[in-house]
Amino acid sequence: MNGEARIEAVRLTPTHDGETALAVTLRFANGGRSQVQIDADGLRRVLARAGASHAAELIGRNWVVLDVAQPAFMTGPKGGKGR
């Protein structure tokens, strides 16, 4: 996907672990929709990356602001380089 998706809506949702997550609805240029769920730690990183103070400020932004996680194989154990 080429970054053409925009954040259309956000809402809080419970997880199966009894925690709260942010459900984000994405709208793609071709009209398609998708939903992703972000946990509390991820939401803090997303807001920081977007320069936003609350989740409602994400509406209308490009979905690339949601890409805050670095896969474990990229960082390796304890933040070091992977092998």
PDB file of N, CA and C in Angstrom:
ATOM      1  N   MET A   1       0.846  -1.170   0.000  1.00  0.00           N
ATOM      2  CA  MET A   1       0.000   0.000   0.000  1.00  0.00           C
ATOM      3  C   MET A   1       0.889   1.229   0.000  1.00  0.00           C
ATOM      4  N   ASN A   2       0.415   2.269  -0.577  1.00  0.00           N
ATOM      5  CA  ASN A   2       1.297   3.391  -0.858  1.00  0.00           C
ATOM      6  C   ASN A   2       1.079   4.622   0.004  1.00  0.00           C
ATOM      7  N   GLY A   3       0.436   4.508   1.126  1.00  0.00           N
ATOM      8  CA  GLY A   3       0.277   5.661   2.003  1.00  0.00           C
ATOM      9  C   GLY A   3      -0.913   6.538   1.669  1.00  0.00           C
ATOM     10  N   GLU A   4      -1.787   6.077   0.779  1.00  0.00           N
ATOM     11  CA  GLU A   4      -2.937   6.890   0.401  1.00  0.00           C
ATOM     12  C   GLU A   4      -4.110   6.783   1.365  1.00  0.00           C
ATOM     13  N   ALA A   5      -4.017   5.922   2.348  1.00  0.00           N
ATOM     14  CA  ALA A   5      -5.117   5.785   3.305  1.00  0.00           C
ATOM     15  C   ALA A   5      -5.099   6.943   4.293  1.00  0.00           C
ATOM     16  N   ARG A   6      -6.282   7.329   4.705  1.00  0.00           N
ATOM     17  CA  ARG A   6      -6.468   8.384   5.706  1.00  0.00           C
ATOM     18  C   ARG A   6      -7.231   7.808   6.884  1.00  0.00           C
ATOM     19  N   ILE A   7      -6.987   8.399   8.039  1.00  0.00           N
ATOM     20  CA  ILE A   7      -7.713   7.999   9.245  1.00  0.00           C
ATOM     21  C   ILE A   7      -9.090   8.657   9.179  1.00  0.00           C
ATOM     22  N   GLU A   8     -10.109   7.822   9.154  1.00  0.00           N
ATOM     23  CA  GLU A   8     -11.477   8.302   8.994  1.00  0.00           C
ATOM     24  C   GLU A   8     -12.196   8.477  10.336  1.00  0.00           C
ATOM     25  N   ALA A   9     -11.910   7.588  11.278  1.00  0.00           N
ATOM     26  CA  ALA A   9     -12.598   7.645  12.572  1.00  0.00           C
ATOM     27  C   ALA A   9     -11.746   6.953  13.626  1.00  0.00           C
ATOM     28  N   VAL A  10     -11.955   7.329  14.880  1.00  0.00           N
ATOM     29  CA  VAL A  10     -11.302   6.683  16.019  1.00  0.00           C
ATOM     30  C   VAL A  10     -12.334   6.491  17.119  1.00  0.00           C
ATOM     31  N   ARG A  11     -12.184   5.405  17.870  1.00  0.00           N
ATOM     32  CA  ARG A  11     -13.057   5.177  19.026  1.00  0.00           C
ATOM     33  C   ARG A  11     -12.353   4.246  19.991  1.00  0.00           C
ATOM     34  N   LEU A  12     -12.698   4.343  21.240  1.00  0.00           N
ATOM     35  CA  LEU A  12     -12.155   3.428  22.246  1.00  0.00           C
ATOM     36  C   LEU A  12     -12.918   2.117  22.183  1.00  0.00           C
ATOM     37  N   THR A  13     -12.202   1.034  22.426  1.00  0.00           N
ATOM     38  CA  THR A  13     -12.822  -0.286  22.397  1.00  0.00           C
ATOM     39  C   THR A  13     -12.169  -1.167  23.454  1.00  0.00           C
ATOM     40  N   PRO A  14     -12.924  -2.060  24.076  1.00  0.00           N
ATOM     41  CA  PRO A  14     -12.310  -2.980  25.037  1.00  0.00           C
ATOM     42  C   PRO A  14     -11.601  -4.115  24.300  1.00  0.00           C
ATOM     43  N   THR A  15     -10.532  -4.628  24.908  1.00  0.00           N
ATOM     44  CA  THR A  15      -9.849  -5.787  24.348  1.00  0.00           C
ATOM     45  C   THR A  15     -10.294  -7.034  25.097  1.00  0.00           C
ATOM     46  N   HIS A  16      -9.922  -8.180  24.580  1.00  0.00           N
ATOM     47  CA  HIS A  16     -10.297  -9.420  25.266  1.00  0.00           C
ATOM     48  C   HIS A  16      -9.545  -9.590  26.578  1.00  0.00           C
ATOM     49  N   ASP A  17      -8.496  -8.785  26.795  1.00  0.00           N
ATOM     50  CA  ASP A  17      -7.750  -8.814  28.059  1.00  0.00           C
ATOM     51  C   ASP A  17      -8.312  -7.849  29.090  1.00  0.00           C
ATOM     52  N   GLY A  18      -9.411  -7.175  28.759  1.00  0.00           N
ATOM     53  CA  GLY A  18     -10.019  -6.241  29.692  1.00  0.00           C
ATOM     54  C   GLY A  18      -9.357  -4.873  29.705  1.00  0.00           C
ATOM     55  N   GLU A  19      -8.507  -4.602  28.723  1.00  0.00           N
ATOM     56  CA  GLU A  19      -7.862  -3.297  28.616  1.00  0.00           C
ATOM     57  C   GLU A  19      -8.600  -2.466  27.572  1.00  0.00           C
ATOM     58  N   THR A  20      -8.199  -1.222  27.438  1.00  0.00           N
ATOM     59  CA  THR A  20      -8.799  -0.344  26.444  1.00  0.00           C
ATOM     60  C   THR A  20      -7.816  -0.124  25.308  1.00  0.00           C
ATOM     61  N   ALA A  21      -8.330  -0.139  24.091  1.00  0.00           N
ATOM     62  CA  ALA A  21      -7.509   0.121  22.913  1.00  0.00           C
ATOM     63  C   ALA A  21      -8.224   1.155  22.054  1.00  0.00           C
ATOM     64  N   LEU A  22      -7.494   1.712  21.114  1.00  0.00           N
ATOM     65  CA  LEU A  22      -8.076   2.647  20.166  1.00  0.00           C
ATOM     66  C   LEU A  22      -8.335   1.906  18.865  1.00  0.00           C
ATOM     67  N   ALA A  23      -9.589   1.900  18.426  1.00  0.00           N
ATOM     68  CA  ALA A  23      -9.945   1.320  17.132  1.00  0.00           C
ATOM     69  C   ALA A  23      -9.905   2.451  16.115  1.00  0.00           C
ATOM     70  N   VAL A  24      -9.105   2.265  15.075  1.00  0.00           N
ATOM     71  CA  VAL A  24      -8.902   3.294  14.054  1.00  0.00           C
ATOM     72  C   VAL A  24      -9.465   2.779  12.736  1.00  0.00           C
ATOM     73  N   THR A  25     -10.382   3.536  12.145  1.00  0.00           N
ATOM     74  CA  THR A  25     -10.931   3.185  10.838  1.00  0.00           C
ATOM     75  C   THR A  25     -10.156   3.937   9.777  1.00  0.00           C
ATOM     76  N   LEU A  26      -9.641   3.182   8.803  1.00  0.00           N
ATOM     77  CA  LEU A  26      -8.886   3.760   7.694  1.00  0.00           C
ATOM     78  C   LEU A  26      -9.743   3.761   6.442  1.00  0.00           C
ATOM     79  N   ARG A  27      -9.624   4.804   5.643  1.00  0.00           N
ATOM     80  CA  ARG A  27     -10.316   4.888   4.352  1.00  0.00           C
ATOM     81  C   ARG A  27      -9.252   4.992   3.273  1.00  0.00           C
ATOM     82  N   PHE A  28      -9.274   4.070   2.320  1.00  0.00           N
ATOM     83  CA  PHE A  28      -8.294   4.038   1.245  1.00  0.00           C
ATOM     84  C   PHE A  28      -8.794   4.816   0.033  1.00  0.00           C
ATOM     85  N   ALA A  29      -7.883   5.212  -0.821  1.00  0.00           N
ATOM     86  CA  ALA A  29      -8.207   6.017  -2.000  1.00  0.00           C
ATOM     87  C   ALA A  29      -9.222   5.326  -2.904  1.00  0.00           C
ATOM     88  N   ASN A  30      -9.213   3.991  -2.930  1.00  0.00           N
ATOM     89  CA  ASN A  30     -10.154   3.256  -3.779  1.00  0.00           C
ATOM     90  C   ASN A  30     -11.518   3.072  -3.119  1.00  0.00           C
ATOM     91  N   GLY A  31     -11.721   3.669  -1.931  1.00  0.00           N
ATOM     92  CA  GLY A  31     -12.988   3.569  -1.221  1.00  0.00           C
ATOM     93  C   GLY A  31     -13.041   2.470  -0.180  1.00  0.00           C
ATOM     94  N   GLY A  32     -12.049   1.608  -0.172  1.00  0.00           N
ATOM     95  CA  GLY A  32     -12.023   0.526   0.803  1.00  0.00           C
ATOM     96  C   GLY A  32     -11.781   1.040   2.212  1.00  0.00           C
ATOM     97  N   ARG A  33     -12.216   0.252   3.170  1.00  0.00           N
ATOM     98  CA  ARG A  33     -12.021   0.586   4.578  1.00  0.00           C
ATOM     99  C   ARG A  33     -11.382  -0.577   5.300  1.00  0.00           C
ATOM    100  N   SER A  34     -10.678  -0.243   6.347  1.00  0.00           N
ATOM    101  CA  SER A  34     -10.070  -1.248   7.200  1.00  0.00           C
ATOM    102  C   SER A  34     -10.024  -0.686   8.613  1.00  0.00           C
ATOM    103  N   GLN A  35      -9.899  -1.566   9.579  1.00  0.00           N
ATOM    104  CA  GLN A  35      -9.807  -1.115  10.958  1.00  0.00           C
ATOM    105  C   GLN A  35      -8.602  -1.756  11.620  1.00  0.00           C
ATOM    106  N   VAL A  36      -7.866  -0.948  12.369  1.00  0.00           N
ATOM    107  CA  VAL A  36      -6.733  -1.439  13.143  1.00  0.00           C
ATOM    108  C   VAL A  36      -6.953  -1.059  14.597  1.00  0.00           C
ATOM    109  N   GLN A  37      -6.332  -1.804  15.466  1.00  0.00           N
ATOM    110  CA  GLN A  37      -6.464  -1.570  16.902  1.00  0.00           C
ATOM    111  C   GLN A  37      -5.093  -1.240  17.471  1.00  0.00           C
ATOM    112  N   ILE A  38      -5.028  -0.219  18.299  1.00  0.00           N
ATOM    113  CA  ILE A  38      -3.770   0.239  18.880  1.00  0.00           C
ATOM    114  C   ILE A  38      -3.894   0.212  20.400  1.00  0.00           C
ATOM    115  N   ASP A  39      -2.929  -0.427  21.065  1.00  0.00           N
ATOM    116  CA  ASP A  39      -2.956  -0.479  22.526  1.00  0.00           C
ATOM    117  C   ASP A  39      -2.489   0.864  23.106  1.00  0.00           C
ATOM    118  N   ALA A  40      -2.565   0.995  24.415  1.00  0.00           N
ATOM    119  CA  ALA A  40      -2.261   2.275  25.081  1.00  0.00           C
ATOM    120  C   ALA A  40      -0.829   2.731  24.835  1.00  0.00           C
ATOM    121  N   ASP A  41       0.138   1.818  24.914  1.00  0.00           N
ATOM    122  CA  ASP A  41       1.525   2.201  24.667  1.00  0.00           C
ATOM    123  C   ASP A  41       1.720   2.647  23.223  1.00  0.00           C
ATOM    124  N   GLY A  42       1.132   1.911  22.305  1.00  0.00           N
ATOM    125  CA  GLY A  42       1.213   2.284  20.899  1.00  0.00           C
ATOM    126  C   GLY A  42       0.561   3.628  20.635  1.00  0.00           C
ATOM    127  N   LEU A  43      -0.555   3.889  21.309  1.00  0.00           N
ATOM    128  CA  LEU A  43      -1.244   5.167  21.122  1.00  0.00           C
ATOM    129  C   LEU A  43      -0.370   6.334  21.558  1.00  0.00           C
ATOM    130  N   ARG A  44       0.346   6.180  22.654  1.00  0.00           N
ATOM    131  CA  ARG A  44       1.251   7.261  23.085  1.00  0.00           C
ATOM    132  C   ARG A  44       2.299   7.549  22.011  1.00  0.00           C
ATOM    133  N   ARG A  45       2.845   6.498  21.405  1.00  0.00           N
ATOM    134  CA  ARG A  45       3.843   6.691  20.350  1.00  0.00           C
ATOM    135  C   ARG A  45       3.223   7.311  19.097  1.00  0.00           C
ATOM    136  N   VAL A  46       2.013   6.883  18.750  1.00  0.00           N
ATOM    137  CA  VAL A  46       1.319   7.447  17.588  1.00  0.00           C
ATOM    138  C   VAL A  46       1.062   8.936  17.789  1.00  0.00           C
ATOM    139  N   LEU A  47       0.542   9.299  18.963  1.00  0.00           N
ATOM    140  CA  LEU A  47       0.261  10.714  19.235  1.00  0.00           C
ATOM    141  C   LEU A  47       1.536  11.547  19.178  1.00  0.00           C
ATOM    142  N   ALA A  48       2.619  11.017  19.720  1.00  0.00           N
ATOM    143  CA  ALA A  48       3.890  11.742  19.678  1.00  0.00           C
ATOM    144  C   ALA A  48       4.357  11.922  18.239  1.00  0.00           C
ATOM    145  N   ARG A  49       4.288  10.866  17.452  1.00  0.00           N
ATOM    146  CA  ARG A  49       4.720  10.951  16.051  1.00  0.00           C
ATOM    147  C   ARG A  49       3.878  11.953  15.266  1.00  0.00           C
ATOM    148  N   ALA A  50       2.579  11.994  15.564  1.00  0.00           N
ATOM    149  CA  ALA A  50       1.668  12.890  14.849  1.00  0.00           C
ATOM    150  C   ALA A  50       1.700  14.315  15.400  1.00  0.00           C
ATOM    151  N   GLY A  51       2.312  14.506  16.575  1.00  0.00           N
ATOM    152  CA  GLY A  51       2.294  15.817  17.206  1.00  0.00           C
ATOM    153  C   GLY A  51       0.897  16.186  17.667  1.00  0.00           C
ATOM    154  N   ALA A  52       0.145  15.182  18.086  1.00  0.00           N
ATOM    155  CA  ALA A  52      -1.243  15.372  18.515  1.00  0.00           C
ATOM    156  C   ALA A  52      -1.352  15.203  20.020  1.00  0.00           C
ATOM    157  N   SER A  53      -2.321  15.884  20.608  1.00  0.00           N
ATOM    158  CA  SER A  53      -2.508  15.759  22.050  1.00  0.00           C
ATOM    159  C   SER A  53      -3.628  14.783  22.424  1.00  0.00           C
ATOM    160  N   HIS A  54      -4.510  14.462  21.474  1.00  0.00           N
ATOM    161  CA  HIS A  54      -5.546  13.464  21.731  1.00  0.00           C
ATOM    162  C   HIS A  54      -5.924  12.765  20.427  1.00  0.00           C
ATOM    163  N   ALA A  55      -6.548  11.624  20.545  1.00  0.00           N
ATOM    164  CA  ALA A  55      -6.813  10.749  19.403  1.00  0.00           C
ATOM    165  C   ALA A  55      -7.675  11.402  18.326  1.00  0.00           C
ATOM    166  N   ALA A  56      -8.600  12.259  18.702  1.00  0.00           N
ATOM    167  CA  ALA A  56      -9.472  12.895  17.702  1.00  0.00           C
ATOM    168  C   ALA A  56      -8.674  13.729  16.693  1.00  0.00           C
ATOM    169  N   GLU A  57      -7.495  14.184  17.091  1.00  0.00           N
ATOM    170  CA  GLU A  57      -6.659  14.966  16.175  1.00  0.00           C
ATOM    171  C   GLU A  57      -6.055  14.111  15.069  1.00  0.00           C
ATOM    172  N   LEU A  58      -6.172  12.804  15.167  1.00  0.00           N
ATOM    173  CA  LEU A  58      -5.643  11.913  14.134  1.00  0.00           C
ATOM    174  C   LEU A  58      -6.567  11.836  12.922  1.00  0.00           C
ATOM    175  N   ILE A  59      -7.833  12.154  13.099  1.00  0.00           N
ATOM    176  CA  ILE A  59      -8.805  12.056  12.011  1.00  0.00           C
ATOM    177  C   ILE A  59      -8.379  12.971  10.862  1.00  0.00           C
ATOM    178  N   GLY A  60      -8.369  12.381   9.661  1.00  0.00           N
ATOM    179  CA  GLY A  60      -7.982  13.106   8.459  1.00  0.00           C
ATOM    180  C   GLY A  60      -6.511  12.983   8.111  1.00  0.00           C
ATOM    181  N   ARG A  61      -5.711  12.469   9.030  1.00  0.00           N
ATOM    182  CA  ARG A  61      -4.268  12.339   8.771  1.00  0.00           C
ATOM    183  C   ARG A  61      -3.974  11.075   7.975  1.00  0.00           C
ATOM    184  N   ASN A  62      -2.820  11.093   7.324  1.00  0.00           N
ATOM    185  CA  ASN A  62      -2.335   9.936   6.593  1.00  0.00           C
ATOM    186  C   ASN A  62      -2.061   8.812   7.581  1.00  0.00           C
ATOM    187  N   TRP A  63      -2.348   7.605   7.166  1.00  0.00           N
ATOM    188  CA  TRP A  63      -2.207   6.464   8.073  1.00  0.00           C
ATOM    189  C   TRP A  63      -0.773   6.154   8.448  1.00  0.00           C
ATOM    190  N   VAL A  64       0.213   6.741   7.810  1.00  0.00           N
ATOM    191  CA  VAL A  64       1.609   6.454   8.145  1.00  0.00           C
ATOM    192  C   VAL A  64       1.950   6.869   9.577  1.00  0.00           C
ATOM    193  N   VAL A  65       1.156   7.774  10.175  1.00  0.00           N
ATOM    194  CA  VAL A  65       1.427   8.148  11.573  1.00  0.00           C
ATOM    195  C   VAL A  65       1.221   6.972  12.522  1.00  0.00           C
ATOM    196  N   LEU A  66       0.524   5.927  12.059  1.00  0.00           N
ATOM    197  CA  LEU A  66       0.281   4.756  12.896  1.00  0.00           C
ATOM    198  C   LEU A  66       1.470   3.810  12.929  1.00  0.00           C
ATOM    199  N   ASP A  67       2.406   3.971  12.038  1.00  0.00           N
ATOM    200  CA  ASP A  67       3.543   3.059  11.908  1.00  0.00           C
ATOM    201  C   ASP A  67       4.644   3.446  12.894  1.00  0.00           C
ATOM    202  N   VAL A  68       4.515   2.986  14.137  1.00  0.00           N
ATOM    203  CA  VAL A  68       5.461   3.356  15.182  1.00  0.00           C
ATOM    204  C   VAL A  68       6.217   2.171  15.760  1.00  0.00           C
ATOM    205  N   ALA A  69       5.804   0.971  15.427  1.00  0.00           N
ATOM    206  CA  ALA A  69       6.434  -0.214  15.994  1.00  0.00           C
ATOM    207  C   ALA A  69       7.606  -0.657  15.130  1.00  0.00           C
ATOM    208  N   GLN A  70       8.691  -0.995  15.782  1.00  0.00           N
ATOM    209  CA  GLN A  70       9.847  -1.547  15.082  1.00  0.00           C
ATOM    210  C   GLN A  70       9.895  -3.028  15.414  1.00  0.00           C
ATOM    211  N   PRO A  71       9.851  -3.893  14.399  1.00  0.00           N
ATOM    212  CA  PRO A  71       9.840  -5.331  14.669  1.00  0.00           C
ATOM    213  C   PRO A  71      11.044  -5.765  15.502  1.00  0.00           C
ATOM    214  N   ALA A  72      10.846  -6.762  16.368  1.00  0.00           N
ATOM    215  CA  ALA A  72      11.905  -7.241  17.257  1.00  0.00           C
ATOM    216  C   ALA A  72      13.137  -7.685  16.486  1.00  0.00           C
ATOM    217  N   PHE A  73      12.959  -8.270  15.285  1.00  0.00           N
ATOM    218  CA  PHE A  73      14.122  -8.739  14.552  1.00  0.00           C
ATOM    219  C   PHE A  73      14.990  -7.580  14.058  1.00  0.00           C
ATOM    220  N   MET A  74      14.448  -6.359  14.061  1.00  0.00           N
ATOM    221  CA  MET A  74      15.235  -5.194  13.655  1.00  0.00           C
ATOM    222  C   MET A  74      16.082  -4.666  14.808  1.00  0.00           C
ATOM    223  N   THR A  75      15.640  -4.882  16.022  1.00  0.00           N
ATOM    224  CA  THR A  75      16.360  -4.339  17.173  1.00  0.00           C
ATOM    225  C   THR A  75      17.115  -5.402  17.941  1.00  0.00           C
ATOM    226  N   GLY A  76      16.695  -6.633  17.841  1.00  0.00           N
ATOM    227  CA  GLY A  76      17.366  -7.700  18.582  1.00  0.00           C
ATOM    228  C   GLY A  76      17.038  -7.629  20.071  1.00  0.00           C
ATOM    229  N   PRO A  77      17.590  -8.535  20.848  1.00  0.00           N
ATOM    230  CA  PRO A  77      17.329  -8.550  22.294  1.00  0.00           C
ATOM    231  C   PRO A  77      17.851  -7.283  22.979  1.00  0.00           C
ATOM    232  N   LYS A  78      17.081  -6.777  23.889  1.00  0.00           N
ATOM    233  CA  LYS A  78      17.456  -5.628  24.708  1.00  0.00           C
ATOM    234  C   LYS A  78      17.894  -4.432  23.884  1.00  0.00           C
ATOM    235  N   GLY A  79      17.255  -4.239  22.722  1.00  0.00           N
ATOM    236  CA  GLY A  79      17.519  -3.044  21.930  1.00  0.00           C
ATOM    237  C   GLY A  79      18.779  -3.078  21.101  1.00  0.00           C
ATOM    238  N   GLY A  80      19.531  -4.171  21.127  1.00  0.00           N
ATOM    239  CA  GLY A  80      20.760  -4.262  20.329  1.00  0.00           C
ATOM    240  C   GLY A  80      20.459  -4.637  18.900  1.00  0.00           C
ATOM    241  N   LYS A  81      21.450  -4.632  18.067  1.00  0.00           N
ATOM    242  CA  LYS A  81      21.284  -5.001  16.660  1.00  0.00           C
ATOM    243  C   LYS A  81      20.979  -6.488  16.530  1.00  0.00           C
ATOM    244  N   GLY A  82      20.084  -6.823  15.605  1.00  0.00           N
ATOM    245  CA  GLY A  82      19.775  -8.227  15.337  1.00  0.00           C
ATOM    246  C   GLY A  82      20.953  -8.893  14.636  1.00  0.00           C
ATOM    247  N   ARG A  83      20.957 -10.206  14.630  1.00  0.00           N
ATOM    248  CA  ARG A  83      22.082 -10.920  14.015  1.00  0.00           C
ATOM    249  C   ARG A  83      21.759 -11.356  12.629  1.00  0.00           C
TER     250      ARG A  83
END
